[in-house]
């Protein structure tokens, strides 16, 4: 019997949830009795394979009973099972659910062959490519989100069957603070009871939450996490989003990580990813430049802030930004965020501590925390794909020794010298991804085509929707 099996028995749990992160960054789970869970630790858990094929409405985007699909993806034909393999290091006891454990899984085919559509495995493979260069990745997360008070906290007991549609109705809510008062202490105190639940939940799950802050938009908040290695950071993001939604729902709140909730006068939420490469095994920040080279750099030269390796990595992120957009902002809803003067990027540019640029470079000589902040992401993005895209793009910049243009001081100014525009909608971003040979090679052609089909389904359904606001309510606000 494994040490984890003994721990589960010792804790006196009644059930263990075996969770898997799907393509959209959402967790799917089965709750097993303790006796079944102990067996599943070594044997795995069967879960219907269509979960790897669903769009954001939960429709299966591929014809699994079609003979042509059986030729293309025989292991998932006929809605066959995939097998979840538990990752024992991720085990937690859920603080809001009585006598309930939780463990994250990766997906395999029924015969134990790794499922290439598993996004956590995609990040691990990208990290292997970094490790081959004797490098690792460190990440810090800044995640904005919205929390509302449920207008009818017991609505789950009063759902009218006549309202049932696919997807189901979104809840009615009230704001927690009026907004447009950034970092207001009064608003912070006003929301203290809710924020205490978030804080205590994160602490109980051993998530490295650094701060909870009042953001500028109505009922908008931000969570900031300490730096960790990339895989741990991605795992933390998956667990945080799922945990906060569940814990606060029990207390009468509704949390959404969609970029733009379906209300007037709201502010978009972003996910700002701070990243640096570290040398292995020393752990030294590989982005920190030498003082001599930094002093010799001219105005706007990235070498004033970053090592040669960091400069090339920065250039790689810029070079592949159009292709990586669909992995960083992965919903139709998220693309409305890219507007001028909103502290969200519009163009593929970098800046020195400039929050209007897509890439914000922070640090310099002697600064151990020197890093690149990518401001392209939305909080609903799949974290494994978001991080994997950075690695493949940055590694290509290093391999090709690409140099970035000078820093932009006016990232919203018109003109060709301000860089390419970020794709304006999800469909355009998917086309850019399919045209990017580096990202396609890193993720695999089959995976990219699979991702494109599922996400294009989302774009097509949005385009066809007669009431796009209602589409956003049901597709995103009630579910993400």
Protein backbone atom coordinates (compact mmCIF):
# COMPACT_ATOMS: atom_id res chain seq x y z
CA UNK A 1 0.00 0.00 0.00
CA UNK A 2 1.36 3.41 -0.97
CA UNK A 3 2.01 6.21 1.50
CA UNK A 4 -0.89 8.19 0.00
CA UNK A 5 -3.26 5.23 0.42
CA UNK A 6 -2.29 5.01 4.08
CA UNK A 7 -2.79 8.77 4.46
CA UNK A 8 -6.29 8.61 2.94
CA UNK A 9 -7.24 5.85 5.37
CA UNK A 10 -5.71 7.69 8.32
CA UNK A 11 -7.64 10.89 7.50
CA UNK A 12 -10.97 9.08 7.68
CA UNK A 13 -12.20 10.44 4.35
CA UNK A 14 -15.52 9.36 2.86
CA UNK A 15 -14.68 10.07 -0.76
CA UNK A 16 -11.91 11.24 -3.07
CA UNK A 17 -12.49 13.28 -6.21
CA UNK A 18 -10.33 12.30 -9.18
CA UNK A 19 -10.12 15.47 -11.30
CA UNK A 20 -8.90 16.13 -14.82
CA UNK A 21 -8.27 19.50 -16.50
CA UNK A 22 -9.95 19.61 -19.91
CA UNK A 23 -8.96 21.54 -23.02
CA UNK A 24 -10.67 24.69 -21.73
CA UNK A 25 -8.94 24.65 -18.34
CA UNK A 26 -12.05 23.39 -16.52
CA UNK A 27 -11.94 20.46 -14.11
CA UNK A 28 -13.99 17.31 -14.65
CA UNK A 29 -14.14 14.83 -11.79
CA UNK A 30 -15.43 11.55 -10.46
CA UNK A 31 -16.05 11.09 -6.73
CA UNK A 32 -15.04 7.62 -5.58
CA UNK A 33 -15.67 5.92 -2.28
CA UNK A 34 -12.49 5.39 -0.27
CA UNK A 35 -12.30 1.69 -1.10
CA UNK A 36 -12.61 2.46 -4.83
CA UNK A 37 -10.19 5.37 -4.53
CA UNK A 38 -7.49 3.16 -3.00
CA UNK A 39 -7.74 0.85 -6.00
CA UNK A 40 -7.76 3.79 -8.44
CA UNK A 41 -4.45 5.08 -7.09
CA UNK A 42 -2.72 2.20 -8.85
CA UNK A 43 -5.22 1.22 -11.55
CA UNK A 44 -6.57 4.60 -12.64
CA UNK A 45 -10.13 5.78 -13.23
CA UNK A 46 -12.15 5.37 -16.40
CA UNK A 47 -13.76 8.52 -17.77
CA UNK A 48 -15.70 8.95 -21.00
CA UNK A 49 -13.33 10.04 -23.77
CA UNK A 50 -15.72 12.59 -25.23
CA UNK A 51 -14.59 14.93 -22.45
CA UNK A 52 -11.47 15.48 -24.54
CA UNK A 53 -13.62 16.42 -27.53
CA UNK A 54 -16.06 18.97 -26.10
CA UNK A 55 -16.42 22.66 -26.82
CA UNK A 56 -17.31 25.26 -24.18
CA UNK A 57 -21.04 24.45 -24.44
CA UNK A 58 -20.26 20.79 -23.62
CA UNK A 59 -21.18 19.64 -27.10
CA UNK A 60 -18.93 16.97 -28.57
CA UNK A 61 -17.26 18.68 -31.53
CA UNK A 62 -16.37 15.46 -33.36
CA UNK A 63 -18.68 12.74 -34.76
CA UNK A 64 -17.48 9.93 -32.50
CA UNK A 65 -19.82 7.37 -34.08
CA UNK A 66 -18.76 8.17 -37.64
CA UNK A 67 -16.48 5.57 -39.33
CA UNK A 68 -14.19 8.36 -40.57
CA UNK A 69 -13.62 9.50 -36.99
CA UNK A 70 -12.79 5.92 -36.04
CA UNK A 71 -10.05 5.99 -38.69
CA UNK A 72 -8.70 9.30 -37.42
CA UNK A 73 -8.96 8.67 -33.66
CA UNK A 74 -9.70 4.99 -33.14
CA UNK A 75 -9.02 5.02 -29.40
CA UNK A 76 -11.84 7.52 -28.75
CA UNK A 77 -14.30 6.26 -31.38
CA UNK A 78 -17.73 5.27 -30.15
CA UNK A 79 -17.33 7.46 -27.04
CA UNK A 80 -14.80 4.99 -25.63
CA UNK A 81 -13.25 5.55 -22.21
CA UNK A 82 -9.98 7.23 -21.49
CA UNK A 83 -8.05 6.36 -18.34
CA UNK A 84 -7.18 8.91 -15.66
CA UNK A 85 -3.84 8.33 -13.95
CA UNK A 86 -3.65 10.08 -10.55
CA UNK A 87 -0.72 12.38 -9.74
CA UNK A 88 -0.13 11.59 -6.09
CA UNK A 89 1.79 14.81 -5.39
CA UNK A 90 -1.37 16.84 -6.09
CA UNK A 91 -3.49 15.25 -3.35
CA UNK A 92 -5.41 17.71 -1.16
CA UNK A 93 -8.18 17.58 1.42
CA UNK A 94 -10.91 19.99 0.34
CA UNK A 95 -11.61 22.50 3.13
CA UNK A 96 -15.20 23.24 2.04
CA UNK A 97 -16.42 19.67 1.42
CA UNK A 98 -16.84 17.31 4.36
CA UNK A 99 -14.34 14.42 4.51
CA UNK A 100 -13.46 14.79 0.84
CA UNK A 101 -10.08 14.37 -0.78
CA UNK A 102 -9.01 15.62 -4.22
CA UNK A 103 -6.33 14.47 -6.60
CA UNK A 104 -5.46 15.66 -10.08
CA UNK A 105 -4.98 13.22 -12.95
CA UNK A 106 -3.48 13.01 -16.41
CA UNK A 107 -5.33 11.14 -19.16
CA UNK A 108 -4.23 8.04 -21.04
CA UNK A 109 -5.92 5.84 -23.60
CA UNK A 110 -7.53 2.65 -22.39
CA UNK A 111 -4.34 0.68 -23.00
CA UNK A 112 -2.26 3.11 -20.91
CA UNK A 113 -0.77 5.00 -23.87
CA UNK A 114 -0.49 8.72 -23.05
CA UNK A 115 -3.32 10.81 -24.51
CA UNK A 116 -1.71 13.54 -26.61
CA UNK A 117 -4.79 15.71 -26.05
CA UNK A 118 -3.98 15.94 -22.32
CA UNK A 119 -2.88 19.54 -21.81
CA UNK A 120 -0.87 18.96 -18.63
CA UNK A 121 1.23 16.47 -20.55
CA UNK A 122 1.70 19.14 -23.23
CA UNK A 123 3.30 21.47 -20.67
CA UNK A 124 5.49 18.69 -19.29
CA UNK A 125 6.76 18.01 -22.79
CA UNK A 126 7.55 21.71 -23.30
CA UNK A 127 9.42 21.75 -19.99
CA UNK A 128 11.41 18.72 -21.16
CA UNK A 129 12.52 20.80 -24.15
CA UNK A 130 13.67 23.50 -21.74
CA UNK A 131 15.44 20.97 -19.53
CA UNK A 132 17.39 19.74 -22.57
CA UNK A 133 18.94 23.24 -22.60
CA UNK A 134 19.65 22.96 -18.86
CA UNK A 135 16.92 25.50 -18.16
CA UNK A 136 13.76 25.62 -16.08
CA UNK A 137 10.90 28.12 -15.93
CA UNK A 138 9.72 30.20 -12.97
CA UNK A 139 6.29 31.82 -13.03
CA UNK A 140 4.31 34.28 -10.95
CA UNK A 141 0.58 34.68 -11.49
CA UNK A 142 -1.62 37.78 -11.37
CA UNK A 143 -5.22 36.79 -11.98
CA UNK A 144 -8.20 39.14 -12.20
CA UNK A 145 -11.74 37.85 -11.70
CA UNK A 146 -15.25 38.95 -10.75
CA UNK A 147 -17.26 37.91 -7.69
CA UNK A 148 -20.96 38.62 -7.23
CA UNK A 149 -23.50 37.87 -4.54
CA UNK A 150 -26.16 35.45 -5.73
CA UNK A 151 -29.56 37.13 -5.89
CA UNK A 152 -31.14 33.79 -4.96
CA UNK A 153 -28.57 31.74 -3.00
CA UNK A 154 -30.82 28.68 -3.04
CA UNK A 155 -31.43 28.93 -6.78
CA UNK A 156 -30.07 25.43 -7.29
CA UNK A 157 -33.18 24.24 -5.44
CA UNK A 158 -35.50 26.38 -7.55
CA UNK A 159 -34.37 25.92 -11.15
CA UNK A 160 -37.41 25.85 -13.40
CA UNK A 161 -37.33 22.85 -15.75
CA UNK A 162 -38.90 25.05 -18.43
CA UNK A 163 -35.69 27.15 -18.45
CA UNK A 164 -33.52 24.16 -19.28
CA UNK A 165 -31.46 24.76 -22.41
CA UNK A 166 -27.99 23.80 -23.58
CA UNK A 167 -26.07 25.44 -21.87
CA UNK A 168 -28.26 26.15 -18.85
CA UNK A 169 -29.29 29.56 -17.50
CA UNK A 170 -26.82 31.79 -15.70
CA UNK A 171 -27.57 32.94 -12.14
CA UNK A 172 -28.98 36.34 -11.19
CA UNK A 173 -26.44 38.32 -9.15
CA UNK A 174 -25.70 41.55 -7.29
CA UNK A 175 -22.40 43.46 -7.20
CA UNK A 176 -20.11 43.39 -4.16
CA UNK A 177 -18.51 46.78 -4.76
CA UNK A 178 -19.35 49.61 -7.15
CA UNK A 179 -15.92 49.77 -8.74
CA UNK A 180 -13.84 52.58 -10.26
CA UNK A 181 -12.00 53.01 -6.97
CA UNK A 182 -8.80 51.04 -7.49
CA UNK A 183 -7.29 49.47 -4.34
CA UNK A 184 -9.90 51.20 -2.21
CA UNK A 185 -9.48 50.23 1.43
CA UNK A 186 -13.17 50.91 2.03
CA UNK A 187 -14.10 48.42 -0.70
CA UNK A 188 -11.55 45.96 0.65
CA UNK A 189 -13.21 46.11 4.06
CA UNK A 190 -16.67 45.95 2.51
CA UNK A 191 -15.70 42.66 0.81
CA UNK A 192 -13.73 41.24 3.73
CA UNK A 193 -16.09 38.34 4.48
CA UNK A 194 -15.91 37.06 0.92
CA UNK A 195 -12.17 37.61 0.62
CA UNK A 196 -11.63 35.75 3.89
CA UNK A 197 -13.20 32.65 2.33
CA UNK A 198 -10.88 32.96 -0.68
CA UNK A 199 -7.83 33.47 1.54
CA UNK A 200 -8.62 30.61 3.93
CA UNK A 201 -9.44 28.26 1.07
CA UNK A 202 -6.13 29.04 -0.64
CA UNK A 203 -4.20 28.64 2.59
CA UNK A 204 -5.88 25.31 3.41
CA UNK A 205 -4.92 24.04 -0.06
CA UNK A 206 -1.33 25.32 0.38
CA UNK A 207 -1.61 27.66 -2.59
CA UNK A 208 1.03 30.44 -2.44
CA UNK A 209 -1.45 33.32 -2.41
CA UNK A 210 0.40 36.58 -1.84
CA UNK A 211 -2.38 39.18 -1.95
CA UNK A 212 -6.05 39.79 -2.71
CA UNK A 213 -6.82 43.22 -4.12
CA UNK A 214 -9.69 45.43 -5.22
CA UNK A 215 -9.49 45.90 -8.98
CA UNK A 216 -10.87 48.89 -10.83
CA UNK A 217 -14.02 47.35 -12.28
CA UNK A 218 -17.32 46.83 -10.43
CA UNK A 219 -17.17 43.63 -8.35
CA UNK A 220 -13.70 42.90 -9.77
CA UNK A 221 -10.76 41.50 -7.78
CA UNK A 222 -7.20 40.32 -8.31
CA UNK A 223 -5.24 37.46 -6.76
CA UNK A 224 -1.44 37.50 -6.84
CA UNK A 225 0.65 34.37 -6.27
CA UNK A 226 4.29 33.93 -5.29
CA UNK A 227 6.75 32.55 -7.82
CA UNK A 228 6.94 28.80 -8.36
CA UNK A 229 8.12 26.45 -11.07
CA UNK A 230 5.97 26.43 -14.20
CA UNK A 231 4.20 23.10 -13.74
CA UNK A 232 3.35 23.86 -10.12
CA UNK A 233 2.09 27.32 -11.10
CA UNK A 234 -0.20 25.82 -13.75
CA UNK A 235 -1.51 23.23 -11.28
CA UNK A 236 -2.15 26.01 -8.77
CA UNK A 237 -4.15 27.99 -11.34
CA UNK A 238 -6.37 25.01 -12.13
CA UNK A 239 -7.02 24.29 -8.46
CA UNK A 240 -7.51 27.93 -7.45
CA UNK A 241 -10.19 28.61 -10.05
CA UNK A 242 -12.09 25.42 -9.23
CA UNK A 243 -11.74 25.78 -5.47
CA UNK A 244 -12.78 29.42 -5.26
CA UNK A 245 -15.88 28.85 -7.35
CA UNK A 246 -16.99 25.94 -5.17
CA UNK A 247 -16.15 27.42 -1.77
CA UNK A 248 -17.80 30.75 -2.53
CA UNK A 249 -20.85 29.14 -4.13
CA UNK A 250 -21.61 27.44 -0.82
CA UNK A 251 -21.46 30.84 0.87
CA UNK A 252 -23.90 32.48 -1.57
CA UNK A 253 -21.48 34.00 -4.09
CA UNK A 254 -20.90 33.51 -7.80
CA UNK A 255 -17.36 33.72 -9.19
CA UNK A 256 -16.52 34.06 -12.85
CA UNK A 257 -13.12 33.94 -14.55
CA UNK A 258 -14.58 34.97 -17.91
CA UNK A 259 -12.87 38.05 -19.28
CA UNK A 260 -15.89 40.33 -19.70
CA UNK A 261 -19.03 39.50 -17.68
CA UNK A 262 -22.26 40.22 -19.58
CA UNK A 263 -23.12 43.53 -17.92
CA UNK A 264 -22.74 47.20 -18.88
CA UNK A 265 -19.90 49.30 -17.48
CA UNK A 266 -17.63 46.43 -16.48
CA UNK A 267 -13.85 46.15 -16.83
CA UNK A 268 -12.15 43.25 -18.55
CA UNK A 269 -10.15 40.77 -16.51
CA UNK A 270 -6.68 39.64 -17.56
CA UNK A 271 -4.20 37.01 -16.50
CA UNK A 272 -0.72 38.52 -16.38
CA UNK A 273 1.95 35.85 -16.53
CA UNK A 274 5.34 36.75 -15.03
CA UNK A 275 8.05 34.44 -16.33
CA UNK A 276 11.79 33.94 -16.27
CA UNK A 277 14.13 31.11 -17.15
CA UNK A 278 16.40 29.65 -14.51
CA UNK A 279 19.68 27.83 -15.00
CA UNK A 280 19.78 24.21 -13.88
CA UNK A 281 20.85 23.02 -11.42
CA UNK A 282 21.92 26.32 -9.83
CA UNK A 283 18.49 27.99 -10.01
CA UNK A 284 20.08 31.28 -11.06
CA UNK A 285 17.80 33.66 -12.97
CA UNK A 286 19.07 33.42 -16.56
CA UNK A 287 17.43 36.74 -17.55
CA UNK A 288 19.60 38.96 -15.32
CA UNK A 289 22.05 40.94 -17.51
CA UNK A 290 25.63 41.82 -16.69
CA UNK A 291 26.14 45.40 -15.55
CA UNK A 292 28.72 46.07 -18.25
CA UNK A 293 26.54 44.96 -21.16
CA UNK A 294 23.51 46.72 -19.75
CA UNK A 295 25.44 49.97 -19.35
CA UNK A 296 26.55 49.81 -23.00
CA UNK A 297 23.00 49.35 -24.31
CA UNK A 298 21.24 52.25 -25.96
CA UNK A 299 17.83 53.70 -25.22
CA UNK A 300 15.06 51.20 -25.87
CA UNK A 301 17.53 48.32 -26.20
CA UNK A 302 16.34 45.17 -24.42
CA UNK A 303 19.95 44.42 -23.45
CA UNK A 304 19.68 47.18 -20.85
CA UNK A 305 17.25 44.97 -18.94
CA UNK A 306 17.85 41.38 -20.04
CA UNK A 307 20.71 38.97 -20.63
CA UNK A 308 21.40 37.83 -24.19
CA UNK A 309 19.33 34.73 -23.51
CA UNK A 310 16.50 36.86 -22.16
CA UNK A 311 16.67 39.20 -25.15
CA UNK A 312 16.33 36.32 -27.59
CA UNK A 313 13.52 34.78 -25.51
CA UNK A 314 11.69 38.13 -25.57
CA UNK A 315 12.08 38.31 -29.34
CA UNK A 316 10.69 34.78 -29.68
CA UNK A 317 7.59 35.75 -27.72
CA UNK A 318 7.05 38.70 -30.06
CA UNK A 319 7.73 36.62 -33.18
CA UNK A 320 5.12 34.00 -32.28
CA UNK A 321 2.57 36.26 -30.56
CA UNK A 322 -0.11 35.96 -33.27
CA UNK A 323 0.05 32.16 -33.11
CA UNK A 324 0.11 31.95 -29.33
CA UNK A 325 -2.86 34.30 -28.90
CA UNK A 326 -5.42 31.51 -29.28
CA UNK A 327 -3.71 29.64 -26.43
CA UNK A 328 -3.45 32.67 -24.13
CA UNK A 329 -6.89 34.16 -24.85
CA UNK A 330 -8.93 31.11 -25.67
CA UNK A 331 -12.56 32.28 -25.64
CA UNK A 332 -14.56 34.47 -27.99
CA UNK A 333 -15.35 36.67 -25.00
CA UNK A 334 -11.69 37.43 -24.25
CA UNK A 335 -10.95 39.29 -27.47
CA UNK A 336 -13.05 42.31 -26.53
CA UNK A 337 -10.37 43.08 -23.95
CA UNK A 338 -7.79 44.21 -26.52
CA UNK A 339 -8.69 47.88 -26.65
CA UNK A 340 -6.65 51.06 -26.40
CA UNK A 341 -5.79 52.71 -23.09
CA UNK A 342 -7.31 49.86 -21.05
CA UNK A 343 -4.01 48.51 -19.67
CA UNK A 344 -4.52 45.61 -22.06
CA UNK A 345 -2.42 45.13 -25.18
CA UNK A 346 -3.48 46.02 -28.70
CA UNK A 347 -0.24 45.41 -30.55
CA UNK A 348 2.68 43.00 -30.48
CA UNK A 349 5.18 45.26 -28.72
CA UNK A 350 7.29 45.22 -25.58
CA UNK A 351 7.93 48.00 -23.12
CA UNK A 352 10.04 48.81 -20.11
CA UNK A 353 7.64 48.56 -17.16
CA UNK A 354 4.82 49.68 -19.48
CA UNK A 355 1.41 48.18 -18.78
CA UNK A 356 0.08 49.08 -22.22
CA UNK A 357 2.56 46.80 -23.96
CA UNK A 358 1.93 43.13 -24.61
CA UNK A 359 5.23 42.24 -22.95
CA UNK A 360 6.36 44.25 -19.92
CA UNK A 361 10.00 43.81 -18.95
CA UNK A 362 10.80 44.36 -15.28
CA UNK A 363 14.20 44.33 -13.59
CA UNK A 364 17.72 44.73 -14.89
CA UNK A 365 21.32 44.38 -13.66
CA UNK A 366 21.52 43.09 -10.11
CA UNK A 367 17.75 42.45 -9.98
CA UNK A 368 17.24 38.80 -9.07
CA UNK A 369 13.55 39.06 -9.96
CA UNK A 370 14.18 40.22 -13.54
CA UNK A 371 11.32 38.88 -15.64
CA UNK A 372 9.00 39.28 -18.61
CA UNK A 373 5.31 39.84 -17.93
CA UNK A 374 3.02 38.65 -20.74
CA UNK A 375 -0.25 40.60 -20.59
CA UNK A 376 -1.87 38.71 -23.48
CA UNK A 377 -3.77 36.14 -21.43
CA UNK A 378 -7.32 35.97 -20.12
CA UNK A 379 -8.09 34.34 -16.74
CA UNK A 380 -10.15 31.56 -18.37
CA UNK A 381 -7.22 30.25 -20.44
CA UNK A 382 -5.94 26.69 -20.04
CA UNK A 383 -2.78 27.30 -17.96
CA UNK A 384 -0.84 24.37 -19.41
CA UNK A 385 -1.28 25.62 -22.96
CA UNK A 386 -0.62 29.25 -21.99
CA UNK A 387 2.72 28.31 -20.45
CA UNK A 388 3.69 25.78 -23.12
CA UNK A 389 3.19 28.45 -25.80
CA UNK A 390 5.66 30.74 -24.00
CA UNK A 391 8.29 28.03 -23.88
CA UNK A 392 8.12 27.02 -27.54
CA UNK A 393 8.08 30.64 -28.71
CA UNK A 394 10.92 31.67 -26.41
CA UNK A 395 13.08 28.64 -27.23
CA UNK A 396 12.76 29.40 -30.93
CA UNK A 397 13.90 32.96 -30.30
CA UNK A 398 16.93 31.62 -28.42
CA UNK A 399 17.74 29.05 -31.13
CA UNK A 400 17.45 31.60 -33.94
CA UNK A 401 19.15 34.35 -31.90
CA UNK A 402 16.38 36.74 -32.90
CA UNK A 403 16.60 40.34 -31.67
CA UNK A 404 13.56 42.35 -30.63
CA UNK A 405 12.78 45.86 -31.90
CA UNK A 406 13.32 48.80 -29.56
CA UNK A 407 10.97 49.15 -26.61
CA UNK A 408 7.70 50.96 -27.27
CA UNK A 409 6.95 53.98 -25.12
CA UNK A 410 3.60 54.60 -26.84
CA UNK A 411 2.03 51.14 -27.26
CA UNK A 412 -1.37 52.50 -28.30
CA UNK A 413 -0.06 54.93 -30.92
CA UNK A 414 -0.96 54.16 -34.56
CA UNK A 415 1.73 53.31 -37.08
CA UNK A 416 3.63 50.36 -38.48
CA UNK A 417 6.52 50.96 -36.07
CA UNK A 418 4.25 49.96 -33.22
CA UNK A 419 4.18 46.29 -34.23
CA UNK A 420 1.57 43.89 -35.53
CA UNK A 421 -1.95 44.09 -34.18
CA UNK A 422 -3.05 41.22 -31.96
CA UNK A 423 -5.65 39.04 -33.75
CA UNK A 424 -9.07 40.60 -33.36
CA UNK A 425 -11.15 37.48 -32.79
CA UNK A 426 -10.74 33.85 -31.84
CA UNK A 427 -11.15 32.58 -35.41
CA UNK A 428 -8.32 34.82 -36.64
CA UNK A 429 -6.10 33.69 -33.78
CA UNK A 430 -6.77 30.04 -34.63
CA UNK A 431 -5.69 30.68 -38.21
CA UNK A 432 -2.49 32.31 -36.94
CA UNK A 433 -1.82 29.29 -34.72
CA UNK A 434 -2.27 26.89 -37.63
CA UNK A 435 0.24 28.95 -39.67
CA UNK A 436 2.91 28.94 -36.94
CA UNK A 437 5.29 26.05 -37.69
CA UNK A 438 7.11 26.29 -34.36
CA UNK A 439 4.00 26.08 -32.20
CA UNK A 440 2.53 23.35 -34.42
CA UNK A 441 5.73 21.31 -34.14
CA UNK A 442 5.92 21.79 -30.37
CA UNK A 443 2.29 20.95 -29.63
CA UNK A 444 1.93 18.47 -32.48
CA UNK A 445 -0.03 18.90 -35.70
CA UNK A 446 -2.80 16.60 -34.49
CA UNK A 447 -3.24 18.52 -31.25
CA UNK A 448 -3.35 21.89 -33.04
CA UNK A 449 -5.95 20.62 -35.51
CA UNK A 450 -7.98 19.15 -32.66
CA UNK A 451 -7.80 22.45 -30.74
CA UNK A 452 -8.70 24.44 -33.86
CA UNK A 453 -11.81 22.37 -34.59
CA UNK A 454 -13.13 22.64 -31.04
CA UNK A 455 -12.45 26.35 -30.67
CA UNK A 456 -13.74 27.19 -34.14
CA UNK A 457 -17.00 25.54 -33.11
CA UNK A 458 -17.21 28.11 -30.31
CA UNK A 459 -16.55 30.99 -32.74
CA UNK A 460 -19.11 29.66 -35.24
CA UNK A 461 -21.82 29.25 -32.62
CA UNK A 462 -21.18 32.77 -31.33
CA UNK A 463 -21.35 34.21 -34.86
CA UNK A 464 -24.66 32.40 -35.44
CA UNK A 465 -26.22 33.43 -32.11
CA UNK A 466 -29.09 35.90 -32.48
CA UNK A 467 -28.64 37.10 -28.88
CA UNK A 468 -24.91 37.33 -28.28
CA UNK A 469 -25.32 38.68 -24.77
CA UNK A 470 -27.40 35.67 -23.79
CA UNK A 471 -24.81 33.44 -25.45
CA UNK A 472 -22.16 34.96 -23.17
CA UNK A 473 -24.35 34.56 -20.10
CA UNK A 474 -24.95 30.87 -20.66
CA UNK A 475 -21.69 29.84 -22.31
CA UNK A 476 -19.31 31.72 -20.05
CA UNK A 477 -20.81 33.56 -17.09
CA UNK A 478 -22.67 30.61 -15.64
CA UNK A 479 -19.88 28.09 -16.28
CA UNK A 480 -16.38 29.64 -16.27
